[in-house]
Amino acid sequence: MKFLAIEQDTPGSGDRFTADLLKAEAARAWELHQAGIIRELYFRADRDEAILMLECASLDDARAALESLPLVRAGLIAFETIPLVAYPGFARLFEEKR
């Protein structure tokens, strides 16, 4: 199942992002990418926030993967996690008219 995860900074996190923590975050994101959990990873062009596409069996699995990120564990960021389903509208193109 696909999930969209939108980063949200937590209050008071501004200057607590260290170089070591950011490197650990990148390493964990790479591990999740190599495991096929993070399928796509972007930053918003208008804000310094990450947008992730995840592939997991359940919402709980997606949340657990995100909670394994060092910045989440440090309480510096959180994610809104949105379950996605395929667009069903194309079926209308092939319905028989009565």
N, C-alpha and C. Protein backbone atom coordinates (compact mmCIF):
# COMPACT_ATOMS: atom_id res chain seq x y z
N MET A 1 0.84 -1.16 0.00
CA MET A 1 0.00 0.00 0.00
C MET A 1 0.89 1.23 0.00
N LYS A 2 0.46 2.27 -0.70
CA LYS A 2 1.24 3.50 -0.79
C LYS A 2 0.78 4.51 0.26
N PHE A 3 1.77 5.28 0.75
CA PHE A 3 1.51 6.32 1.74
C PHE A 3 2.28 7.57 1.35
N LEU A 4 1.64 8.70 1.53
CA LEU A 4 2.28 9.99 1.37
C LEU A 4 2.60 10.50 2.76
N ALA A 5 3.85 10.88 2.99
CA ALA A 5 4.25 11.40 4.29
C ALA A 5 4.76 12.82 4.10
N ILE A 6 4.16 13.74 4.83
CA ILE A 6 4.51 15.16 4.72
C ILE A 6 5.14 15.59 6.04
N GLU A 7 6.36 16.08 5.94
CA GLU A 7 7.10 16.50 7.14
C GLU A 7 6.47 17.74 7.76
N GLN A 8 6.52 17.76 9.08
CA GLN A 8 6.08 18.92 9.84
C GLN A 8 7.12 19.16 10.93
N ASP A 9 7.67 20.38 10.97
CA ASP A 9 8.60 20.71 12.04
C ASP A 9 7.85 20.76 13.36
N THR A 10 8.52 20.38 14.40
CA THR A 10 7.92 20.47 15.73
C THR A 10 8.33 21.81 16.35
N PRO A 11 7.52 22.35 17.23
CA PRO A 11 7.83 23.65 17.85
C PRO A 11 9.19 23.62 18.58
N GLY A 12 9.96 24.67 18.38
CA GLY A 12 11.23 24.81 19.08
C GLY A 12 12.37 23.98 18.52
N SER A 13 12.21 23.41 17.32
CA SER A 13 13.25 22.53 16.78
C SER A 13 14.32 23.28 15.99
N GLY A 14 14.10 24.55 15.73
CA GLY A 14 14.92 25.36 14.82
C GLY A 14 16.41 25.14 14.79
N ASP A 15 17.12 25.32 15.89
CA ASP A 15 18.58 25.27 15.86
C ASP A 15 19.14 23.96 16.41
N ARG A 16 18.33 22.96 16.58
CA ARG A 16 18.78 21.69 17.15
C ARG A 16 19.20 20.66 16.10
N PHE A 17 19.19 21.04 14.81
CA PHE A 17 19.60 20.15 13.73
C PHE A 17 21.12 20.20 13.60
N THR A 18 21.80 19.16 14.07
CA THR A 18 23.26 19.13 13.98
C THR A 18 23.70 18.38 12.72
N ALA A 19 24.96 18.61 12.33
CA ALA A 19 25.50 17.92 11.15
C ALA A 19 25.47 16.40 11.34
N ASP A 20 25.82 15.94 12.54
CA ASP A 20 25.82 14.49 12.80
C ASP A 20 24.41 13.91 12.72
N LEU A 21 23.43 14.63 13.25
CA LEU A 21 22.05 14.16 13.21
C LEU A 21 21.52 14.13 11.78
N LEU A 22 21.86 15.13 11.01
CA LEU A 22 21.42 15.17 9.61
C LEU A 22 22.07 14.06 8.79
N LYS A 23 23.33 13.74 9.09
CA LYS A 23 24.00 12.63 8.40
C LYS A 23 23.35 11.30 8.77
N ALA A 24 23.02 11.13 10.05
CA ALA A 24 22.33 9.91 10.49
C ALA A 24 20.96 9.79 9.83
N GLU A 25 20.28 10.93 9.67
CA GLU A 25 18.98 10.94 9.00
C GLU A 25 19.11 10.47 7.56
N ALA A 26 20.12 11.00 6.85
CA ALA A 26 20.34 10.60 5.46
C ALA A 26 20.68 9.11 5.36
N ALA A 27 21.47 8.62 6.30
CA ALA A 27 21.84 7.20 6.29
C ALA A 27 20.62 6.31 6.51
N ARG A 28 19.76 6.70 7.44
CA ARG A 28 18.55 5.89 7.70
C ARG A 28 17.59 5.96 6.52
N ALA A 29 17.44 7.14 5.93
CA ALA A 29 16.59 7.28 4.75
C ALA A 29 17.11 6.39 3.62
N TRP A 30 18.44 6.32 3.46
CA TRP A 30 19.04 5.46 2.44
C TRP A 30 18.71 3.99 2.73
N GLU A 31 18.81 3.57 3.98
CA GLU A 31 18.49 2.19 4.35
C GLU A 31 17.02 1.87 4.02
N LEU A 32 16.13 2.79 4.35
CA LEU A 32 14.70 2.57 4.06
C LEU A 32 14.44 2.57 2.55
N HIS A 33 15.19 3.38 1.82
CA HIS A 33 15.07 3.38 0.36
C HIS A 33 15.55 2.05 -0.21
N GLN A 34 16.67 1.58 0.26
CA GLN A 34 17.22 0.31 -0.23
C GLN A 34 16.33 -0.87 0.13
N ALA A 35 15.57 -0.75 1.22
CA ALA A 35 14.64 -1.80 1.64
C ALA A 35 13.31 -1.73 0.87
N GLY A 36 13.16 -0.73 0.01
CA GLY A 36 11.94 -0.59 -0.78
C GLY A 36 10.79 0.07 -0.01
N ILE A 37 11.08 0.65 1.13
CA ILE A 37 10.03 1.29 1.92
C ILE A 37 9.85 2.74 1.48
N ILE A 38 10.93 3.49 1.43
CA ILE A 38 10.86 4.83 0.85
C ILE A 38 11.04 4.66 -0.65
N ARG A 39 10.00 4.99 -1.41
CA ARG A 39 10.05 4.85 -2.87
C ARG A 39 10.50 6.13 -3.54
N GLU A 40 10.09 7.26 -2.95
CA GLU A 40 10.47 8.57 -3.49
C GLU A 40 10.67 9.51 -2.32
N LEU A 41 11.61 10.44 -2.46
CA LEU A 41 11.92 11.38 -1.40
C LEU A 41 12.23 12.73 -2.03
N TYR A 42 11.49 13.74 -1.61
CA TYR A 42 11.62 15.08 -2.18
C TYR A 42 11.68 16.11 -1.06
N PHE A 43 12.11 17.30 -1.41
CA PHE A 43 11.90 18.47 -0.57
C PHE A 43 10.98 19.41 -1.31
N ARG A 44 10.13 20.08 -0.57
CA ARG A 44 9.25 21.08 -1.18
C ARG A 44 10.11 22.21 -1.72
N ALA A 45 9.73 22.77 -2.85
CA ALA A 45 10.46 23.88 -3.44
C ALA A 45 10.22 25.18 -2.67
N ASP A 46 9.09 25.27 -1.99
CA ASP A 46 8.74 26.51 -1.30
C ASP A 46 9.05 26.52 0.19
N ARG A 47 9.39 25.37 0.76
CA ARG A 47 9.72 25.27 2.18
C ARG A 47 10.73 24.15 2.39
N ASP A 48 11.42 24.20 3.48
CA ASP A 48 12.42 23.18 3.80
C ASP A 48 11.74 22.01 4.52
N GLU A 49 10.88 21.29 3.80
CA GLU A 49 10.14 20.16 4.35
C GLU A 49 10.19 19.00 3.38
N ALA A 50 10.35 17.80 3.92
CA ALA A 50 10.43 16.59 3.10
C ALA A 50 9.04 16.06 2.79
N ILE A 51 8.94 15.45 1.62
CA ILE A 51 7.75 14.74 1.17
C ILE A 51 8.22 13.34 0.76
N LEU A 52 7.65 12.31 1.35
CA LEU A 52 8.07 10.95 1.07
C LEU A 52 6.90 10.14 0.53
N MET A 53 7.20 9.25 -0.39
CA MET A 53 6.26 8.23 -0.84
C MET A 53 6.78 6.91 -0.28
N LEU A 54 5.93 6.24 0.48
CA LEU A 54 6.30 4.98 1.12
C LEU A 54 5.48 3.84 0.55
N GLU A 55 6.05 2.65 0.59
CA GLU A 55 5.35 1.41 0.24
C GLU A 55 5.45 0.50 1.45
N CYS A 56 4.31 0.28 2.12
CA CYS A 56 4.27 -0.54 3.33
C CYS A 56 2.99 -1.37 3.34
N ALA A 57 2.97 -2.39 4.16
CA ALA A 57 1.80 -3.26 4.25
C ALA A 57 0.64 -2.59 4.98
N SER A 58 0.95 -1.66 5.88
CA SER A 58 -0.11 -1.04 6.68
C SER A 58 0.30 0.36 7.12
N LEU A 59 -0.66 1.10 7.60
CA LEU A 59 -0.38 2.43 8.15
C LEU A 59 0.55 2.32 9.35
N ASP A 60 0.36 1.30 10.17
CA ASP A 60 1.24 1.11 11.32
C ASP A 60 2.68 0.88 10.88
N ASP A 61 2.87 0.10 9.81
CA ASP A 61 4.22 -0.14 9.29
C ASP A 61 4.84 1.14 8.75
N ALA A 62 4.05 1.94 8.07
CA ALA A 62 4.55 3.22 7.55
C ALA A 62 4.96 4.14 8.69
N ARG A 63 4.13 4.21 9.70
CA ARG A 63 4.46 5.06 10.86
C ARG A 63 5.70 4.55 11.58
N ALA A 64 5.84 3.24 11.70
CA ALA A 64 7.03 2.67 12.35
C ALA A 64 8.29 3.01 11.57
N ALA A 65 8.22 2.94 10.25
CA ALA A 65 9.38 3.29 9.43
C ALA A 65 9.76 4.75 9.64
N LEU A 66 8.77 5.63 9.63
CA LEU A 66 9.05 7.05 9.83
C LEU A 66 9.59 7.31 11.23
N GLU A 67 9.07 6.61 12.21
CA GLU A 67 9.53 6.79 13.59
C GLU A 67 10.96 6.29 13.80
N SER A 68 11.48 5.52 12.85
CA SER A 68 12.87 5.06 12.94
C SER A 68 13.86 6.11 12.46
N LEU A 69 13.38 7.19 11.89
CA LEU A 69 14.26 8.26 11.41
C LEU A 69 14.81 9.03 12.60
N PRO A 70 16.11 9.33 12.60
CA PRO A 70 16.72 10.03 13.74
C PRO A 70 16.09 11.38 14.07
N LEU A 71 15.68 12.15 13.08
CA LEU A 71 15.07 13.45 13.37
C LEU A 71 13.71 13.30 14.04
N VAL A 72 12.99 12.24 13.70
CA VAL A 72 11.72 11.95 14.36
C VAL A 72 11.99 11.49 15.79
N ARG A 73 12.94 10.57 15.94
CA ARG A 73 13.29 10.08 17.29
C ARG A 73 13.75 11.20 18.21
N ALA A 74 14.43 12.21 17.64
CA ALA A 74 14.92 13.35 18.43
C ALA A 74 13.82 14.37 18.70
N GLY A 75 12.63 14.15 18.12
CA GLY A 75 11.52 15.06 18.34
C GLY A 75 11.60 16.35 17.55
N LEU A 76 12.44 16.37 16.50
CA LEU A 76 12.62 17.59 15.71
C LEU A 76 11.62 17.73 14.57
N ILE A 77 11.15 16.60 14.07
CA ILE A 77 10.15 16.62 13.00
C ILE A 77 9.11 15.53 13.29
N ALA A 78 8.00 15.66 12.62
CA ALA A 78 6.94 14.65 12.64
C ALA A 78 6.42 14.54 11.21
N PHE A 79 5.59 13.57 10.96
CA PHE A 79 5.03 13.39 9.63
C PHE A 79 3.52 13.21 9.71
N GLU A 80 2.82 13.88 8.79
CA GLU A 80 1.43 13.53 8.52
C GLU A 80 1.51 12.38 7.53
N THR A 81 0.90 11.26 7.85
CA THR A 81 0.98 10.07 6.99
C THR A 81 -0.39 9.78 6.42
N ILE A 82 -0.47 9.79 5.09
CA ILE A 82 -1.75 9.69 4.39
C ILE A 82 -1.78 8.41 3.56
N PRO A 83 -2.72 7.49 3.83
CA PRO A 83 -2.84 6.29 2.99
C PRO A 83 -3.46 6.66 1.65
N LEU A 84 -2.94 6.05 0.58
CA LEU A 84 -3.42 6.33 -0.77
C LEU A 84 -3.99 5.07 -1.41
N VAL A 85 -4.96 5.27 -2.27
CA VAL A 85 -5.49 4.19 -3.10
C VAL A 85 -5.45 4.66 -4.55
N ALA A 86 -5.48 3.71 -5.45
CA ALA A 86 -5.45 4.05 -6.87
C ALA A 86 -6.71 4.82 -7.27
N TYR A 87 -6.56 5.71 -8.20
CA TYR A 87 -7.68 6.49 -8.73
C TYR A 87 -8.66 5.55 -9.42
N PRO A 88 -9.93 5.51 -8.99
CA PRO A 88 -10.89 4.57 -9.58
C PRO A 88 -11.63 5.13 -10.80
N GLY A 89 -11.44 6.39 -11.12
CA GLY A 89 -12.23 7.04 -12.15
C GLY A 89 -12.05 6.52 -13.55
N PHE A 90 -10.90 5.91 -13.85
CA PHE A 90 -10.69 5.41 -15.21
C PHE A 90 -11.69 4.33 -15.58
N ALA A 91 -12.23 3.62 -14.61
CA ALA A 91 -13.21 2.58 -14.89
C ALA A 91 -14.43 3.16 -15.60
N ARG A 92 -14.73 4.42 -15.35
CA ARG A 92 -15.87 5.07 -16.02
C ARG A 92 -15.71 5.13 -17.54
N LEU A 93 -14.47 5.10 -17.99
CA LEU A 93 -14.22 5.14 -19.42
C LEU A 93 -14.64 3.87 -20.13
N PHE A 94 -14.74 2.79 -19.38
CA PHE A 94 -15.00 1.49 -19.98
C PHE A 94 -16.34 0.90 -19.59
N GLU A 95 -17.14 1.68 -18.88
CA GLU A 95 -18.48 1.20 -18.51
C GLU A 95 -19.36 1.18 -19.75
N GLU A 96 -20.18 0.18 -19.82
CA GLU A 96 -21.13 0.11 -20.93
C GLU A 96 -22.34 0.97 -20.60
N LYS A 97 -22.78 1.72 -21.58
CA LYS A 97 -23.97 2.55 -21.38
C LYS A 97 -25.20 1.69 -21.55
N ARG A 98 -26.20 1.97 -20.76
CA ARG A 98 -27.44 1.19 -20.84
C ARG A 98 -28.52 2.00 -21.47
